[in-house]
Amino acid sequence: MKAFRVVGLLVLVVVRCVQGYDYLDGVNGSAPQPLLVDLTLIRSATENGAVCLDGTPGAYHLHPGSGSGANSWLVELEGGGWCNDISSCVYRKTTSRGSSNYMEKQIPFTGILSNKPEENPDFYNWNRVRICYCDGASFAGEGYNEAFLTGCSAGGLASILHCDEFRALLPGNTNVKCLADAGLFLDVTDVAGVRSLRSFYEGVVTMQGVAKNLPGSCTAKMDATSCFFPQNLLSIIQTPTFLLNAAYDVCQIRSLTSENADPKGYWKACKYNYSECNEDQINFLQGLRNQMLDATKGFSNSKQNGLFINSCFAHCQSETQDTWYGDNSPTIQNKGIAKSVGDWYFDRAEVKAIDCPYPCDKTCHNPVSC
């Protein structure tokens, strides 16, 4: 099976290689510093076709677990957009998003990957691995105890696409769940009334040979491009899944108000400073939020699933410490993201957290760019 080959191969390799792995427990200095984790290339990946766009081997960053977390795994799929035609895929070959030759040799593990209990109380001592993203198609292109598959942005979409396949890789008695952070890209019209993201995804599906690597239960009912949109996959995922998303996802807003969709710059001030949005623009954004909530209704009805949709202008809230777990992290009804995800994963509480509409939430960390 070529679908999910990169992720499947890397998961199996890192599980087998954890013993004896040398890693950094921290850096010198008196002030708390994030854990730095080395890059590991999978040389055998080339033989099996689990390669980046330029043919270099896939790679990951791993920090082994300890104590009660020694047999539990958190696998995060890196995000980074997509390529949808020859020129964009060729360009990615000269970056870390298309070649392991350009990947960072060390990266900090923060947020859901942190090794500090005060920053990541539920998963700090698990085996935590971040799989590098370099195929440009949400890991869908050619190319025993607990297990948790996560990812943000394109990695969040990948978590939805491959959640059930991830579960199939592991023993049947493993407690497997998935978290999609900022992966809920919607098939909606932009400010010009055009489904521009659908057009872009059509390029991804065609260029990357994605169709045969999408869930068959979806492609049997609709075209491959539709099956690349999470809203059409949520009803078929059998593995417990948690959706973490901003109702006003800044990357989606930037896409829907791009220069092509807004050539006269009507949205320019609003999309970079939401306090400057006029009534019509706010109504458009509220409509986007409503479409997101409509897309998750059936998913939310399942007791095994969880969600945390806050009314922030944000993107990827599990990776950075300030949004994942801290004194002033975003909350819904006084409950933060890390606590919500932990309560859901360990069945401590059912989590169906949906924020009131903008501008009611005063706990948001709204960025100025995507």
Protein backbone atom coordinates (compact mmCIF):
# COMPACT_ATOMS: atom_id res chain seq x y z
CA MET A 1 0.00 0.00 0.00
CA LYS A 2 1.51 3.33 -1.07
CA ALA A 3 -1.00 5.51 0.75
CA PHE A 4 0.41 6.82 3.99
CA ARG A 5 3.68 5.03 3.17
CA VAL A 6 5.91 7.81 4.52
CA VAL A 7 4.11 8.04 7.84
CA GLY A 8 3.65 4.28 8.23
CA LEU A 9 7.29 3.51 7.54
CA LEU A 10 8.56 6.25 9.84
CA VAL A 11 6.25 5.22 12.67
CA LEU A 12 7.46 1.64 12.49
CA VAL A 13 11.11 2.70 12.30
CA VAL A 14 11.03 5.11 15.22
CA VAL A 15 9.15 2.63 17.41
CA ARG A 16 11.85 0.05 16.75
CA CYS A 17 14.77 2.48 17.09
CA VAL A 18 13.87 4.26 20.31
CA GLN A 19 16.18 2.19 22.48
CA GLY A 20 19.70 3.64 22.60
CA TYR A 21 18.75 6.88 20.86
CA ASP A 22 20.95 9.79 21.94
CA TYR A 23 19.09 13.01 22.55
CA LEU A 24 19.39 16.38 24.23
CA ASP A 25 17.69 16.93 27.55
CA GLY A 26 18.11 20.66 27.37
CA VAL A 27 20.63 23.40 26.78
CA ASN A 28 22.99 25.29 29.01
CA GLY A 29 21.81 28.36 30.83
CA SER A 30 19.83 29.23 33.89
CA ALA A 31 16.65 30.33 32.10
CA PRO A 32 14.23 27.58 31.02
CA GLN A 33 14.92 26.65 27.41
CA PRO A 34 12.95 24.42 25.05
CA LEU A 35 14.21 20.93 24.38
CA LEU A 36 16.23 20.72 21.14
CA VAL A 37 15.82 17.48 19.21
CA ASP A 38 18.03 16.21 16.39
CA LEU A 39 16.91 15.30 12.87
CA THR A 40 17.08 11.61 11.92
CA LEU A 41 17.03 10.51 8.28
CA ILE A 42 15.45 7.17 7.34
CA ARG A 43 17.95 5.74 4.85
CA SER A 44 15.78 2.69 4.19
CA ALA A 45 12.91 4.98 3.17
CA THR A 46 14.40 5.40 -0.31
CA GLU A 47 14.12 1.68 -1.05
CA ASN A 48 10.44 1.71 -0.14
CA GLY A 49 9.46 4.88 -1.96
CA ALA A 50 8.90 6.88 1.25
CA VAL A 51 10.76 9.89 -0.06
CA CYS A 52 10.51 13.66 -0.40
CA LEU A 53 9.68 15.41 -3.66
CA ASP A 54 13.34 15.42 -4.71
CA GLY A 55 13.91 11.74 -3.87
CA THR A 56 15.78 12.34 -0.62
CA PRO A 57 14.77 10.12 2.33
CA GLY A 58 12.05 11.07 4.75
CA ALA A 59 13.04 12.21 8.23
CA TYR A 60 11.79 12.78 11.76
CA HIS A 61 12.69 14.32 15.12
CA LEU A 62 12.29 11.95 18.09
CA HIS A 63 12.50 12.41 21.85
CA PRO A 64 12.05 9.07 23.67
CA GLY A 65 9.57 8.64 26.48
CA SER A 66 10.27 7.57 30.03
CA GLY A 67 8.56 6.21 33.12
CA SER A 68 4.81 5.86 32.71
CA GLY A 69 5.09 7.17 29.14
CA ALA A 70 7.78 4.78 27.92
CA ASN A 71 5.31 2.72 25.88
CA SER A 72 3.09 5.57 24.70
CA TRP A 73 3.55 7.44 21.43
CA LEU A 74 2.60 10.90 20.21
CA VAL A 75 3.23 11.33 16.48
CA GLU A 76 2.93 14.86 15.08
CA LEU A 77 2.71 15.43 11.33
CA GLU A 78 4.39 18.68 10.31
CA GLY A 79 2.37 21.20 8.31
CA GLY A 80 3.43 23.52 5.50
CA GLY A 81 0.84 23.93 2.75
CA TRP A 82 0.77 22.04 -0.54
CA CYS A 83 2.07 22.16 -4.12
CA ASN A 84 -0.48 21.88 -6.90
CA ASP A 85 1.46 22.20 -10.18
CA ILE A 86 4.88 21.51 -11.64
CA SER A 87 6.37 24.91 -10.83
CA SER A 88 5.26 24.93 -7.20
CA CYS A 89 6.42 21.35 -6.63
CA VAL A 90 9.78 22.06 -8.33
CA TYR A 91 10.21 25.09 -6.09
CA ARG A 92 9.50 23.03 -2.97
CA LYS A 93 12.37 20.70 -3.91
CA THR A 94 14.74 23.52 -2.95
CA THR A 95 13.19 23.89 0.52
CA SER A 96 12.68 21.80 3.63
CA ARG A 97 9.11 21.18 2.45
CA GLY A 98 10.40 19.13 -0.49
CA SER A 99 13.85 17.87 0.45
CA SER A 100 15.45 16.51 3.60
CA ASN A 101 18.67 18.20 2.46
CA TYR A 102 17.22 21.52 3.65
CA MET A 103 15.64 20.40 6.90
CA GLU A 104 16.73 21.89 10.21
CA LYS A 105 19.20 19.66 12.03
CA GLN A 106 17.59 20.51 15.37
CA ILE A 107 14.19 21.89 16.28
CA PRO A 108 12.68 22.96 19.63
CA PHE A 109 9.97 20.74 21.07
CA THR A 110 7.32 23.01 22.58
CA GLY A 111 3.58 22.92 23.14
CA ILE A 112 2.22 19.39 22.79
CA LEU A 113 5.80 18.16 22.17
CA SER A 114 7.33 19.72 25.30
CA ASN A 115 9.15 17.47 27.79
CA LYS A 116 8.28 19.67 30.76
CA PRO A 117 5.31 18.62 32.92
CA GLU A 118 4.55 22.25 33.76
CA GLU A 119 4.16 22.96 30.01
CA ASN A 120 2.62 19.71 28.79
CA PRO A 121 1.10 17.84 31.76
CA ASP A 122 -0.42 14.85 29.96
CA PHE A 123 2.10 13.96 27.26
CA TYR A 124 5.47 15.31 28.47
CA ASN A 125 7.06 11.87 29.14
CA TRP A 126 5.67 10.04 26.09
CA ASN A 127 7.76 9.08 23.09
CA ARG A 128 7.20 12.21 21.00
CA VAL A 129 8.07 12.26 17.33
CA ARG A 130 7.59 14.95 14.72
CA ILE A 131 7.51 13.56 11.19
CA CYS A 132 8.88 16.02 8.65
CA TYR A 133 6.56 17.01 5.81
CA CYS A 134 8.16 16.98 2.37
CA ASP A 135 5.78 15.48 -0.19
CA GLY A 136 3.54 18.54 -0.66
CA ALA A 137 0.31 16.52 -0.45
CA SER A 138 -0.47 16.05 3.26
CA PHE A 139 1.46 12.74 3.29
CA ALA A 140 -0.90 11.35 0.63
CA GLY A 141 1.32 11.57 -2.46
CA GLU A 142 3.50 8.84 -3.97
CA GLY A 143 6.06 8.72 -2.40
CA TYR A 144 1.47 -0.55 22.52
CA ASN A 145 -0.25 1.09 25.10
CA GLU A 146 -1.12 4.54 23.91
CA ALA A 147 -0.70 6.20 20.50
CA PHE A 148 -1.70 9.72 19.50
CA LEU A 149 -1.45 11.06 15.94
CA THR A 150 -1.43 14.85 15.70
CA GLY A 151 -0.61 17.56 13.20
CA CYS A 152 -1.33 21.17 12.40
CA SER A 153 -2.34 22.90 9.15
CA ALA A 154 -1.45 20.53 6.27
CA GLY A 155 -0.43 18.11 9.04
CA GLY A 156 -3.85 18.57 10.62
CA LEU A 157 -5.48 17.64 7.34
CA ALA A 158 -3.11 14.66 7.17
CA SER A 159 -4.22 13.56 10.64
CA ILE A 160 -7.79 13.41 9.37
CA LEU A 161 -6.84 11.71 6.09
CA HIS A 162 -4.73 9.02 7.75
CA CYS A 163 -6.19 8.55 11.22
CA ASP A 164 -7.73 5.14 10.54
CA GLU A 165 -4.61 3.96 8.67
CA PHE A 166 -2.47 4.99 11.64
CA ARG A 167 -4.63 2.86 13.92
CA ALA A 168 -4.28 -0.09 11.53
CA LEU A 169 -0.48 0.04 11.90
CA LEU A 170 -0.64 -0.71 15.61
CA PRO A 171 -1.70 -3.70 17.74
CA GLY A 172 -5.44 -3.98 18.27
CA ASN A 173 -5.22 -3.36 22.01
CA THR A 174 -3.50 0.02 21.55
CA ASN A 175 -5.54 3.06 22.54
CA VAL A 176 -5.27 5.13 19.36
CA LYS A 177 -6.68 8.62 18.90
CA CYS A 178 -6.02 11.55 16.56
CA LEU A 179 -5.84 15.33 16.90
CA ALA A 180 -6.28 17.67 13.92
CA ASP A 181 -5.06 21.18 14.73
CA ALA A 182 -6.07 23.87 12.20
CA GLY A 183 -6.74 21.23 9.56
CA LEU A 184 -10.39 22.02 8.91
CA PHE A 185 -9.97 23.73 5.53
CA LEU A 186 -13.46 24.30 4.13
CA ASP A 187 -14.83 24.03 0.61
CA VAL A 188 -16.35 27.52 0.61
CA THR A 189 -16.47 30.53 -1.69
CA ASP A 190 -13.96 33.36 -1.35
CA VAL A 191 -14.87 37.05 -1.25
CA ALA A 192 -15.18 37.02 -5.05
CA GLY A 193 -17.69 34.17 -4.92
CA VAL A 194 -15.21 31.62 -6.32
CA ARG A 195 -14.25 28.27 -4.78
CA SER A 196 -10.57 29.08 -5.08
CA LEU A 197 -9.36 26.50 -2.55
CA ARG A 198 -11.21 23.77 -4.45
CA SER A 199 -9.43 24.84 -7.61
CA PHE A 200 -6.10 24.74 -5.76
CA TYR A 201 -6.81 21.30 -4.29
CA GLU A 202 -7.71 19.99 -7.75
CA GLY A 203 -4.13 20.78 -8.70
CA VAL A 204 -2.78 19.00 -5.62
CA VAL A 205 -4.87 15.90 -6.33
CA THR A 206 -3.92 15.79 -10.01
CA MET A 207 -0.24 16.67 -9.62
CA GLN A 208 0.47 14.40 -6.68
CA GLY A 209 -1.52 11.28 -7.61
CA VAL A 210 -3.54 11.64 -4.42
CA ALA A 211 -6.78 9.97 -5.51
CA LYS A 212 -5.72 6.37 -4.92
CA ASN A 213 -4.36 7.26 -1.47
CA LEU A 214 -7.57 8.76 -0.12
CA PRO A 215 -10.10 6.78 1.95
CA GLY A 216 -11.97 4.46 -0.40
CA SER A 217 -15.19 4.93 1.54
CA CYS A 218 -15.09 8.57 0.43
CA THR A 219 -13.88 8.22 -3.17
CA ALA A 220 -16.60 5.64 -3.79
CA LYS A 221 -19.16 8.39 -3.18
CA MET A 222 -17.56 11.57 -4.55
CA ASP A 223 -14.65 12.94 -6.56
CA ALA A 224 -11.12 12.91 -5.17
CA THR A 225 -10.93 16.67 -4.69
CA SER A 226 -14.02 16.57 -2.46
CA CYS A 227 -12.36 13.80 -0.44
CA PHE A 228 -9.39 16.09 0.22
CA PHE A 229 -11.67 18.42 2.18
CA PRO A 230 -11.99 17.39 5.86
CA GLN A 231 -15.69 18.27 6.01
CA ASN A 232 -16.35 15.29 3.71
CA LEU A 233 -14.19 12.91 5.74
CA LEU A 234 -15.42 13.55 9.28
CA SER A 235 -18.39 11.23 8.93
CA ILE A 236 -16.27 8.24 7.89
CA ILE A 237 -13.45 8.37 10.48
CA GLN A 238 -13.83 5.41 12.84
CA THR A 239 -10.94 6.27 15.17
CA PRO A 240 -11.68 8.77 17.97
CA THR A 241 -10.63 12.22 16.76
CA PHE A 242 -10.34 15.70 18.28
CA LEU A 243 -10.72 18.86 16.21
CA LEU A 244 -8.82 21.91 17.46
CA ASN A 245 -9.54 24.92 15.28
CA ALA A 246 -9.98 28.66 15.37
CA ALA A 247 -13.40 29.64 14.07
CA TYR A 248 -11.64 32.46 12.20
CA ASP A 249 -8.62 30.55 10.93
CA VAL A 250 -6.20 33.21 9.69
CA CYS A 251 -4.76 31.03 6.92
CA GLN A 252 -8.19 30.33 5.53
CA ILE A 253 -9.14 34.01 5.80
CA ARG A 254 -5.93 35.02 3.95
CA SER A 255 -6.80 32.49 1.24
CA LEU A 256 -10.38 33.71 0.88
CA THR A 257 -9.26 37.36 0.71
CA SER A 258 -6.18 36.94 -1.50
CA GLU A 259 -5.17 39.54 -4.09
CA ASN A 260 -6.79 37.42 -6.80
CA ALA A 261 -10.09 37.42 -4.91
CA ASP A 262 -9.75 41.03 -3.73
CA PRO A 263 -7.78 42.93 -6.44
CA LYS A 264 -8.90 46.36 -5.20
CA GLY A 265 -7.71 45.71 -1.64
CA TYR A 266 -11.11 46.06 0.03
CA TRP A 267 -10.07 43.45 2.63
CA LYS A 268 -6.47 44.58 3.13
CA ALA A 269 -6.96 46.50 6.38
CA CYS A 270 -9.48 44.06 7.84
CA LYS A 271 -7.49 40.86 7.35
CA TYR A 272 -4.45 42.26 9.14
CA ASN A 273 -6.33 44.11 11.89
CA TYR A 274 -9.71 42.64 12.72
CA SER A 275 -10.79 45.70 14.69
CA GLU A 276 -10.90 47.52 11.33
CA CYS A 277 -13.39 45.13 9.73
CA ASN A 278 -16.66 46.78 8.74
CA GLU A 279 -20.09 45.27 9.26
CA ASP A 280 -20.19 43.49 5.89
CA GLN A 281 -16.78 41.97 6.50
CA ILE A 282 -17.72 40.80 9.99
CA ASN A 283 -20.85 39.21 8.54
CA PHE A 284 -18.70 37.33 6.01
CA LEU A 285 -16.44 36.07 8.81
CA GLN A 286 -19.41 35.03 10.92
CA GLY A 287 -20.73 33.15 7.91
CA LEU A 288 -17.40 31.32 7.66
CA ARG A 289 -17.69 30.36 11.34
CA ASN A 290 -21.24 29.11 10.81
CA GLN A 291 -20.14 26.93 7.91
CA MET A 292 -17.41 25.42 10.08
CA LEU A 293 -19.89 24.62 12.84
CA ASP A 294 -22.32 23.12 10.33
CA ALA A 295 -19.53 20.93 8.96
CA THR A 296 -18.78 19.53 12.42
CA LYS A 297 -22.33 18.87 13.64
CA GLY A 298 -22.49 15.17 12.84
CA PHE A 299 -18.90 14.66 14.00
CA SER A 300 -19.68 16.35 17.32
CA ASN A 301 -22.67 14.09 17.94
CA SER A 302 -20.38 11.08 18.33
CA LYS A 303 -19.44 10.56 21.97
CA GLN A 304 -15.95 9.31 21.05
CA ASN A 305 -15.00 12.58 19.31
CA GLY A 306 -14.04 15.91 20.82
CA LEU A 307 -13.64 19.47 19.65
CA PHE A 308 -12.37 22.85 20.77
CA ILE A 309 -13.37 25.65 18.40
CA ASN A 310 -12.51 29.03 19.83
CA SER A 311 -13.40 32.41 18.37
CA CYS A 312 -9.83 33.45 17.77
CA PHE A 313 -8.01 34.66 14.67
CA ALA A 314 -5.32 32.00 14.89
CA HIS A 315 -3.75 29.01 13.19
CA CYS A 316 -2.04 26.01 14.82
CA GLN A 317 -2.58 26.31 18.58
CA SER A 318 -1.02 23.06 19.84
CA GLU A 319 2.56 23.69 18.74
CA THR A 320 3.43 26.90 20.58
CA GLN A 321 3.63 27.05 24.35
CA ASP A 322 1.73 30.32 24.75
CA THR A 323 -1.42 28.84 23.20
CA TRP A 324 -1.05 25.20 24.26
CA TYR A 325 -0.56 25.54 28.02
CA GLY A 326 0.24 28.64 30.03
CA ASP A 327 -1.16 31.13 32.50
CA ASN A 328 -2.74 33.20 29.72
CA SER A 329 -3.45 30.54 27.11
CA PRO A 330 -6.77 30.73 25.21
CA THR A 331 -9.73 29.20 27.02
CA ILE A 332 -13.38 28.37 26.52
CA GLN A 333 -15.37 28.64 29.72
CA ASN A 334 -12.11 28.89 31.70
CA LYS A 335 -10.73 25.61 30.28
CA GLY A 336 -7.58 25.70 28.15
CA ILE A 337 -6.54 23.71 25.11
CA ALA A 338 -4.08 21.29 26.76
CA LYS A 339 -6.54 20.48 29.57
CA SER A 340 -9.36 19.95 27.06
CA VAL A 341 -7.30 17.63 24.85
CA GLY A 342 -5.98 15.70 27.86
CA ASP A 343 -9.43 15.28 29.40
CA TRP A 344 -10.75 13.97 26.09
CA TYR A 345 -7.84 11.64 25.35
CA PHE A 346 -7.87 10.02 28.79
CA ASP A 347 -11.69 9.93 28.98
CA ARG A 348 -11.72 12.20 32.01
CA ALA A 349 -14.49 14.29 30.48
CA GLU A 350 -16.44 14.72 27.28
CA VAL A 351 -15.18 17.81 25.44
CA LYS A 352 -17.44 19.61 22.98
CA ALA A 353 -16.21 23.19 23.44
CA ILE A 354 -17.56 25.78 21.00
CA ASP A 355 -16.88 29.42 21.71
CA CYS A 356 -19.36 32.28 21.36
CA PRO A 357 -18.86 34.43 18.21
CA TYR A 358 -16.21 37.15 17.85
CA PRO A 359 -15.56 39.48 19.64
CA CYS A 360 -16.63 37.82 22.90
CA ASP A 361 -13.41 35.87 23.63
CA LYS A 362 -10.79 37.99 25.40
CA THR A 363 -8.27 35.16 25.84
CA CYS A 364 -7.20 34.88 22.21
CA HIS A 365 -3.64 35.28 20.93
CA ASN A 366 -4.41 36.82 17.56
CA PRO A 367 -1.40 36.82 15.20
CA VAL A 368 -0.78 39.47 12.56
CA SER A 369 0.11 36.94 9.85
CA CYS A 370 -0.57 33.35 8.84
